[in-house]
């Protein structure tokens, strides 16, 4: 059985609490979209937690938690939340990250801030956490899926993308690599290598995993982020 929890408004509908409750009977909880710009609040015997990347099923030892390919994956937030759970003595849970999830980059956050500043009074009121530039890269095919970090062509793609981002930053915002580490090639390269090495134990083909689980009639719970009215096509 597959159930989905999504917000019908603009977010803050209590999805995290409901997911935590329904996860008691679930085999798998899937965080399938969104990024670290919004959190799901869960209150339990361990304390009060705001989860931005981790699925809300991480408090249930019977649950396999999946971060799927639609998520804007921020490894800094991911490991920060794991440390937060550990500090509150929450037992380790099983977590799987999709090899096809795309990585939030330092320059996504920088470009988000620069664009809001450029727009001034016409700004969108962004949380400045890099979400719009992230999804823009996804459509432009200039983002990095996790699987690409382990591929032979990784460095070649990084060089191509870096040239594009450098030209973009200078042409639109007048920024160079010397102005911010988020535009520095060596910093970006080390950022991605650190991400690759740290997340490797968690990464696998989640599509195959979920297809098998569905055929085995496992209880699968899909956890959405924010709300339907924020949808770029159908929202308000």
C-alpha atoms as a PDB file:
ATOM      1  CA  UNK A   1       0.000   0.000   0.000  1.00  0.00           C
ATOM      2  CA  UNK A   2       1.189   3.489  -0.864  1.00  0.00           C
ATOM      3  CA  UNK A   3      -0.024   6.592   0.965  1.00  0.00           C
ATOM      4  CA  UNK A   4       1.013  10.186   0.332  1.00  0.00           C
ATOM      5  CA  UNK A   5       0.967  13.148   2.690  1.00  0.00           C
ATOM      6  CA  UNK A   6       0.996  16.501   0.911  1.00  0.00           C
ATOM      7  CA  UNK A   7      -0.016  19.978   2.008  1.00  0.00           C
ATOM      8  CA  UNK A   8      -3.236  21.430   0.634  1.00  0.00           C
ATOM      9  CA  UNK A   9      -2.289  25.028   1.441  1.00  0.00           C
ATOM     10  CA  UNK A  10       1.049  26.896   1.587  1.00  0.00           C
ATOM     11  CA  UNK A  11       2.724  24.586   4.076  1.00  0.00           C
ATOM     12  CA  UNK A  12       2.642  24.369   7.891  1.00  0.00           C
ATOM     13  CA  UNK A  13      -0.331  21.995   7.790  1.00  0.00           C
ATOM     14  CA  UNK A  14       1.231  19.552  10.247  1.00  0.00           C
ATOM     15  CA  UNK A  15       2.625  17.070   7.708  1.00  0.00           C
ATOM     16  CA  UNK A  16       5.580  16.134   9.899  1.00  0.00           C
ATOM     17  CA  UNK A  17       3.388  15.238  12.872  1.00  0.00           C
ATOM     18  CA  UNK A  18       1.063  13.173  10.701  1.00  0.00           C
ATOM     19  CA  UNK A  19       3.969  11.420   8.988  1.00  0.00           C
ATOM     20  CA  UNK A  20       5.524  10.577  12.350  1.00  0.00           C
ATOM     21  CA  UNK A  21       2.205   9.099  13.492  1.00  0.00           C
ATOM     22  CA  UNK A  22       1.556   7.065  10.332  1.00  0.00           C
ATOM     23  CA  UNK A  23       5.182   5.907  10.188  1.00  0.00           C
ATOM     24  CA  UNK A  24       4.448   3.617  13.123  1.00  0.00           C
ATOM     25  CA  UNK A  25       2.759   1.223  10.681  1.00  0.00           C
ATOM     26  CA  UNK A  26       4.956   1.964   7.662  1.00  0.00           C
ATOM     27  CA  UNK A  27       7.821  -0.047   6.262  1.00  0.00           C
ATOM     28  CA  UNK A  28       9.230   2.826   4.209  1.00  0.00           C
ATOM     29  CA  UNK A  29       8.979   6.623   4.447  1.00  0.00           C
ATOM     30  CA  UNK A  30       9.995   8.551   1.326  1.00  0.00           C
ATOM     31  CA  UNK A  31      10.925  12.222   1.233  1.00  0.00           C
ATOM     32  CA  UNK A  32      10.323  12.714  -2.482  1.00  0.00           C
ATOM     33  CA  UNK A  33      10.769  16.443  -3.225  1.00  0.00           C
ATOM     34  CA  UNK A  34      11.790  19.809  -1.845  1.00  0.00           C
ATOM     35  CA  UNK A  35      14.906  21.070  -0.109  1.00  0.00           C
ATOM     36  CA  UNK A  36      16.157  22.424   3.200  1.00  0.00           C
ATOM     37  CA  UNK A  37      14.190  25.669   2.899  1.00  0.00           C
ATOM     38  CA  UNK A  38      11.346  24.379   5.061  1.00  0.00           C
ATOM     39  CA  UNK A  39      11.191  22.047   8.027  1.00  0.00           C
ATOM     40  CA  UNK A  40       8.828  19.393   9.341  1.00  0.00           C
ATOM     41  CA  UNK A  41       8.389  19.646  13.080  1.00  0.00           C
ATOM     42  CA  UNK A  42       8.183  16.423  15.064  1.00  0.00           C
ATOM     43  CA  UNK A  43       7.677  16.251  18.829  1.00  0.00           C
ATOM     44  CA  UNK A  44       8.230  12.943  20.598  1.00  0.00           C
ATOM     45  CA  UNK A  45       9.835  11.399  23.671  1.00  0.00           C
ATOM     46  CA  UNK A  46      13.287  12.455  22.465  1.00  0.00           C
ATOM     47  CA  UNK A  47      12.361  16.138  22.160  1.00  0.00           C
ATOM     48  CA  UNK A  48      11.286  18.625  19.524  1.00  0.00           C
ATOM     49  CA  UNK A  49      12.885  18.406  16.096  1.00  0.00           C
ATOM     50  CA  UNK A  50      12.722  20.420  12.868  1.00  0.00           C
ATOM     51  CA  UNK A  51      13.719  18.154   9.985  1.00  0.00           C
ATOM     52  CA  UNK A  52      14.677  19.868   6.732  1.00  0.00           C
ATOM     53  CA  UNK A  53      16.197  16.983   4.762  1.00  0.00           C
ATOM     54  CA  UNK A  54      15.610  13.792   6.735  1.00  0.00           C
ATOM     55  CA  UNK A  55      12.265  12.005   6.358  1.00  0.00           C
ATOM     56  CA  UNK A  56      10.069  12.135   9.445  1.00  0.00           C
ATOM     57  CA  UNK A  57      10.265   8.361   9.805  1.00  0.00           C
ATOM     58  CA  UNK A  58      13.790   8.512  11.257  1.00  0.00           C
ATOM     59  CA  UNK A  59      12.430   8.127  14.780  1.00  0.00           C
ATOM     60  CA  UNK A  60      10.958   4.710  13.978  1.00  0.00           C
ATOM     61  CA  UNK A  61      13.348   1.774  14.044  1.00  0.00           C
ATOM     62  CA  UNK A  62      11.022  -0.310  11.883  1.00  0.00           C
ATOM     63  CA  UNK A  63      11.202   2.176   9.008  1.00  0.00           C
ATOM     64  CA  UNK A  64      13.541   2.480   6.032  1.00  0.00           C
ATOM     65  CA  UNK A  65      13.839   6.197   5.247  1.00  0.00           C
ATOM     66  CA  UNK A  66      14.458   7.254   1.660  1.00  0.00           C
ATOM     67  CA  UNK A  67      15.646  10.580   0.292  1.00  0.00           C
ATOM     68  CA  UNK A  68      14.476  10.285  -3.307  1.00  0.00           C
ATOM     69  CA  UNK A  69      15.617  11.845  -6.563  1.00  0.00           C
ATOM     70  CA  UNK A  70      13.268  14.819  -6.373  1.00  0.00           C
ATOM     71  CA  UNK A  71      14.982  16.235  -3.276  1.00  0.00           C
ATOM     72  CA  UNK A  72      17.411  19.157  -3.393  1.00  0.00           C
ATOM     73  CA  UNK A  73      20.035  17.261  -1.430  1.00  0.00           C
ATOM     74  CA  UNK A  74      22.180  19.338   0.926  1.00  0.00           C
ATOM     75  CA  UNK A  75      24.767  17.080   2.550  1.00  0.00           C
ATOM     76  CA  UNK A  76      25.694  19.727   5.118  1.00  0.00           C
ATOM     77  CA  UNK A  77      22.097  19.842   6.379  1.00  0.00           C
ATOM     78  CA  UNK A  78      21.852  16.041   6.154  1.00  0.00           C
ATOM     79  CA  UNK A  79      24.800  15.349   8.431  1.00  0.00           C
ATOM     80  CA  UNK A  80      23.883  18.250  10.686  1.00  0.00           C
ATOM     81  CA  UNK A  81      20.494  16.675  11.302  1.00  0.00           C
ATOM     82  CA  UNK A  82      22.043  13.258  11.938  1.00  0.00           C
ATOM     83  CA  UNK A  83      24.300  14.888  14.541  1.00  0.00           C
ATOM     84  CA  UNK A  84      21.268  16.585  16.075  1.00  0.00           C
ATOM     85  CA  UNK A  85      19.467  13.242  16.441  1.00  0.00           C
ATOM     86  CA  UNK A  86      22.558  11.604  17.900  1.00  0.00           C
ATOM     87  CA  UNK A  87      22.924  14.400  20.462  1.00  0.00           C
ATOM     88  CA  UNK A  88      19.367  13.660  21.638  1.00  0.00           C
ATOM     89  CA  UNK A  89      20.133   9.908  21.859  1.00  0.00           C
ATOM     90  CA  UNK A  90      17.798   8.999  18.998  1.00  0.00           C
ATOM     91  CA  UNK A  91      18.735   5.463  17.838  1.00  0.00           C
ATOM     92  CA  UNK A  92      20.196   5.198  14.344  1.00  0.00           C
ATOM     93  CA  UNK A  93      17.658   4.479  11.636  1.00  0.00           C
ATOM     94  CA  UNK A  94      18.079   3.033   8.169  1.00  0.00           C
ATOM     95  CA  UNK A  95      18.511   5.795   5.581  1.00  0.00           C
ATOM     96  CA  UNK A  96      18.928   5.476   1.819  1.00  0.00           C
ATOM     97  CA  UNK A  97      19.768   8.329  -0.554  1.00  0.00           C
ATOM     98  CA  UNK A  98      18.890   8.083  -4.217  1.00  0.00           C
ATOM     99  CA  UNK A  99      21.865   7.998  -6.563  1.00  0.00           C
ATOM    100  CA  UNK A 100      19.808  10.263  -8.826  1.00  0.00           C
ATOM    101  CA  UNK A 101      19.186  12.987  -6.243  1.00  0.00           C
ATOM    102  CA  UNK A 102      20.727  16.287  -7.255  1.00  0.00           C
ATOM    103  CA  UNK A 103      23.138  18.194  -5.026  1.00  0.00           C
ATOM    104  CA  UNK A 104      22.600  21.640  -3.573  1.00  0.00           C
ATOM    105  CA  UNK A 105      25.701  23.682  -4.440  1.00  0.00           C
ATOM    106  CA  UNK A 106      27.275  26.608  -2.554  1.00  0.00           C
ATOM    107  CA  UNK A 107      26.733  28.910  -5.525  1.00  0.00           C
ATOM    108  CA  UNK A 108      23.010  28.113  -5.555  1.00  0.00           C
ATOM    109  CA  UNK A 109      22.703  29.821  -2.192  1.00  0.00           C
ATOM    110  CA  UNK A 110      24.947  32.696  -3.282  1.00  0.00           C
ATOM    111  CA  UNK A 111      22.965  33.295  -6.500  1.00  0.00           C
ATOM    112  CA  UNK A 112      19.699  33.199  -4.560  1.00  0.00           C
ATOM    113  CA  UNK A 113      20.947  35.971  -2.268  1.00  0.00           C
ATOM    114  CA  UNK A 114      22.432  38.025  -5.096  1.00  0.00           C
ATOM    115  CA  UNK A 115      19.249  37.831  -7.155  1.00  0.00           C
ATOM    116  CA  UNK A 116      17.064  38.926  -4.246  1.00  0.00           C
ATOM    117  CA  UNK A 117      19.395  41.873  -3.672  1.00  0.00           C
ATOM    118  CA  UNK A 118      19.394  42.728  -7.388  1.00  0.00           C
ATOM    119  CA  UNK A 119      15.595  42.740  -7.535  1.00  0.00           C
ATOM    120  CA  UNK A 120      15.338  45.017  -4.503  1.00  0.00           C
ATOM    121  CA  UNK A 121      11.731  46.045  -3.825  1.00  0.00           C
ATOM    122  CA  UNK A 122      10.576  43.614  -6.542  1.00  0.00           C
ATOM    123  CA  UNK A 123      12.168  40.595  -4.838  1.00  0.00           C
ATOM    124  CA  UNK A 124      10.147  37.410  -4.335  1.00  0.00           C
ATOM    125  CA  UNK A 125      10.815  37.094  -0.618  1.00  0.00           C
ATOM    126  CA  UNK A 126      13.031  34.042  -1.068  1.00  0.00           C
ATOM    127  CA  UNK A 127      14.368  32.163   1.948  1.00  0.00           C
ATOM    128  CA  UNK A 128      17.752  32.547   0.195  1.00  0.00           C
ATOM    129  CA  UNK A 129      18.496  28.859   0.621  1.00  0.00           C
ATOM    130  CA  UNK A 130      19.255  28.250  -3.050  1.00  0.00           C
ATOM    131  CA  UNK A 131      16.052  26.508  -4.128  1.00  0.00           C
ATOM    132  CA  UNK A 132      15.272  28.494  -7.299  1.00  0.00           C
ATOM    133  CA  UNK A 133      18.858  28.342  -8.675  1.00  0.00           C
ATOM    134  CA  UNK A 134      18.958  24.623  -7.788  1.00  0.00           C
ATOM    135  CA  UNK A 135      15.857  23.748  -9.803  1.00  0.00           C
ATOM    136  CA  UNK A 136      16.980  26.053 -12.591  1.00  0.00           C
ATOM    137  CA  UNK A 137      20.167  23.980 -12.886  1.00  0.00           C
ATOM    138  CA  UNK A 138      18.094  20.820 -12.915  1.00  0.00           C
ATOM    139  CA  UNK A 139      16.215  22.049 -15.988  1.00  0.00           C
ATOM    140  CA  UNK A 140      19.385  23.374 -17.629  1.00  0.00           C
ATOM    141  CA  UNK A 141      21.156  20.035 -16.994  1.00  0.00           C
ATOM    142  CA  UNK A 142      23.986  21.899 -15.285  1.00  0.00           C
ATOM    143  CA  UNK A 143      23.392  20.349 -11.878  1.00  0.00           C
ATOM    144  CA  UNK A 144      25.126  17.318 -10.391  1.00  0.00           C
ATOM    145  CA  UNK A 145      23.332  14.101  -9.608  1.00  0.00           C
ATOM    146  CA  UNK A 146      24.976  12.080  -6.853  1.00  0.00           C
ATOM    147  CA  UNK A 147      25.809   9.278  -9.288  1.00  0.00           C
ATOM    148  CA  UNK A 148      27.863  11.706 -11.382  1.00  0.00           C
ATOM    149  CA  UNK A 149      30.293  12.222  -8.509  1.00  0.00           C
ATOM    150  CA  UNK A 150      31.438   8.622  -8.943  1.00  0.00           C
ATOM    151  CA  UNK A 151      31.576   8.720 -12.761  1.00  0.00           C
ATOM    152  CA  UNK A 152      34.694   9.022 -14.921  1.00  0.00           C
ATOM    153  CA  UNK A 153      33.478  12.246 -16.524  1.00  0.00           C
ATOM    154  CA  UNK A 154      32.943  14.095 -13.240  1.00  0.00           C
ATOM    155  CA  UNK A 155      35.916  16.471 -13.508  1.00  0.00           C
ATOM    156  CA  UNK A 156      35.165  17.291 -17.139  1.00  0.00           C
ATOM    157  CA  UNK A 157      31.586  18.229 -16.329  1.00  0.00           C
ATOM    158  CA  UNK A 158      32.672  20.252 -13.315  1.00  0.00           C
ATOM    159  CA  UNK A 159      35.018  22.310 -15.485  1.00  0.00           C
ATOM    160  CA  UNK A 160      32.258  22.981 -18.037  1.00  0.00           C
ATOM    161  CA  UNK A 161      29.750  23.963 -15.368  1.00  0.00           C
ATOM    162  CA  UNK A 162      32.294  26.103 -13.544  1.00  0.00           C
ATOM    163  CA  UNK A 163      33.069  28.082 -16.692  1.00  0.00           C
ATOM    164  CA  UNK A 164      29.361  28.719 -17.188  1.00  0.00           C
ATOM    165  CA  UNK A 165      28.757  29.729 -13.564  1.00  0.00           C
ATOM    166  CA  UNK A 166      31.795  32.014 -13.521  1.00  0.00           C
ATOM    167  CA  UNK A 167      30.650  33.826 -16.659  1.00  0.00           C
ATOM    168  CA  UNK A 168      27.102  34.067 -15.285  1.00  0.00           C
ATOM    169  CA  UNK A 169      28.234  35.478 -11.933  1.00  0.00           C
ATOM    170  CA  UNK A 170      30.446  38.110 -13.499  1.00  0.00           C
ATOM    171  CA  UNK A 171      28.036  39.158 -16.255  1.00  0.00           C
ATOM    172  CA  UNK A 172      24.914  39.500 -14.120  1.00  0.00           C
ATOM    173  CA  UNK A 173      26.258  40.264 -10.643  1.00  0.00           C
ATOM    174  CA  UNK A 174      29.808  41.499 -11.228  1.00  0.00           C
ATOM    175  CA  UNK A 175      31.211  38.750  -9.002  1.00  0.00           C
ATOM    176  CA  UNK A 176      34.465  36.832  -9.459  1.00  0.00           C
ATOM    177  CA  UNK A 177      35.992  33.793  -7.770  1.00  0.00           C
ATOM    178  CA  UNK A 178      38.043  36.095  -5.543  1.00  0.00           C
ATOM    179  CA  UNK A 179      34.845  37.695  -4.206  1.00  0.00           C
ATOM    180  CA  UNK A 180      33.281  34.589  -2.648  1.00  0.00           C
ATOM    181  CA  UNK A 181      34.472  31.042  -1.974  1.00  0.00           C
ATOM    182  CA  UNK A 182      31.243  29.721  -3.501  1.00  0.00           C
ATOM    183  CA  UNK A 183      32.692  30.803  -6.869  1.00  0.00           C
ATOM    184  CA  UNK A 184      36.147  29.332  -6.259  1.00  0.00           C
ATOM    185  CA  UNK A 185      36.886  26.189  -8.305  1.00  0.00           C
ATOM    186  CA  UNK A 186      38.999  24.450  -5.656  1.00  0.00           C
ATOM    187  CA  UNK A 187      36.405  25.107  -2.977  1.00  0.00           C
ATOM    188  CA  UNK A 188      33.599  23.705  -5.154  1.00  0.00           C
ATOM    189  CA  UNK A 189      35.665  20.649  -6.076  1.00  0.00           C
ATOM    190  CA  UNK A 190      36.492  19.874  -2.423  1.00  0.00           C
ATOM    191  CA  UNK A 191      32.860  20.452  -1.472  1.00  0.00           C
ATOM    192  CA  UNK A 192      31.704  17.805  -3.953  1.00  0.00           C
ATOM    193  CA  UNK A 193      34.466  15.327  -3.070  1.00  0.00           C
ATOM    194  CA  UNK A 194      33.608  15.651   0.625  1.00  0.00           C
ATOM    195  CA  UNK A 195      29.950  15.079  -0.195  1.00  0.00           C
ATOM    196  CA  UNK A 196      30.796  12.049  -2.364  1.00  0.00           C
ATOM    197  CA  UNK A 197      32.946  10.364   0.264  1.00  0.00           C
ATOM    198  CA  UNK A 198      30.678  11.005   3.250  1.00  0.00           C
ATOM    199  CA  UNK A 199      27.388   9.912   1.687  1.00  0.00           C
ATOM    200  CA  UNK A 200      28.699   6.818  -0.109  1.00  0.00           C
ATOM    201  CA  UNK A 201      27.422   4.337   2.542  1.00  0.00           C
ATOM    202  CA  UNK A 202      23.886   5.700   2.113  1.00  0.00           C
ATOM    203  CA  UNK A 203      23.657   5.797  -1.694  1.00  0.00           C
ATOM    204  CA  UNK A 204      21.835   3.215  -3.784  1.00  0.00           C
ATOM    205  CA  UNK A 205      19.252   2.774  -6.538  1.00  0.00           C
ATOM    206  CA  UNK A 206      16.066   3.791  -4.730  1.00  0.00           C
ATOM    207  CA  UNK A 207      13.894   3.285  -7.810  1.00  0.00           C
ATOM    208  CA  UNK A 208      14.669  -0.433  -7.879  1.00  0.00           C
ATOM    209  CA  UNK A 209      14.330  -0.607  -4.099  1.00  0.00           C
ATOM    210  CA  UNK A 210      10.871   0.978  -4.135  1.00  0.00           C
ATOM    211  CA  UNK A 211       9.669  -1.072  -7.112  1.00  0.00           C
ATOM    212  CA  UNK A 212      10.595  -4.253  -5.264  1.00  0.00           C
ATOM    213  CA  UNK A 213       8.958  -2.995  -2.067  1.00  0.00           C
ATOM    214  CA  UNK A 214       5.762  -2.191  -3.957  1.00  0.00           C
ATOM    215  CA  UNK A 215       5.650  -5.657  -5.505  1.00  0.00           C
ATOM    216  CA  UNK A 216       6.140  -7.132  -2.027  1.00  0.00           C
ATOM    217  CA  UNK A 217       3.141  -5.089  -0.805  1.00  0.00           C
ATOM    218  CA  UNK A 218       5.182  -3.100   1.696  1.00  0.00           C
ATOM    219  CA  UNK A 219       3.555  -0.119   3.404  1.00  0.00           C
ATOM    220  CA  UNK A 220       5.085   2.937   1.731  1.00  0.00           C
ATOM    221  CA  UNK A 221       4.493   6.457   3.025  1.00  0.00           C
ATOM    222  CA  UNK A 222       5.326   9.437   0.781  1.00  0.00           C
ATOM    223  CA  UNK A 223       6.162  12.661   2.608  1.00  0.00           C
ATOM    224  CA  UNK A 224       5.766  15.929   0.714  1.00  0.00           C
ATOM    225  CA  UNK A 225       7.271  19.300   1.563  1.00  0.00           C
ATOM    226  CA  UNK A 226       5.563  22.708   1.748  1.00  0.00           C
ATOM    227  CA  UNK A 227       2.093  22.891   0.163  1.00  0.00           C
ATOM    228  CA  UNK A 228       0.201  22.536  -3.109  1.00  0.00           C
ATOM    229  CA  UNK A 229      -0.495  26.257  -3.354  1.00  0.00           C
ATOM    230  CA  UNK A 230       3.240  26.885  -3.755  1.00  0.00           C
ATOM    231  CA  UNK A 231       3.312  24.827  -6.942  1.00  0.00           C
ATOM    232  CA  UNK A 232       4.775  27.013  -9.753  1.00  0.00           C
ATOM    233  CA  UNK A 233       2.062  25.928 -12.203  1.00  0.00           C
ATOM    234  CA  UNK A 234      -1.032  25.354 -10.083  1.00  0.00           C
ATOM    235  CA  UNK A 235      -0.324  27.410  -6.972  1.00  0.00           C
ATOM    236  CA  UNK A 236      -1.370  30.905  -6.014  1.00  0.00           C
END
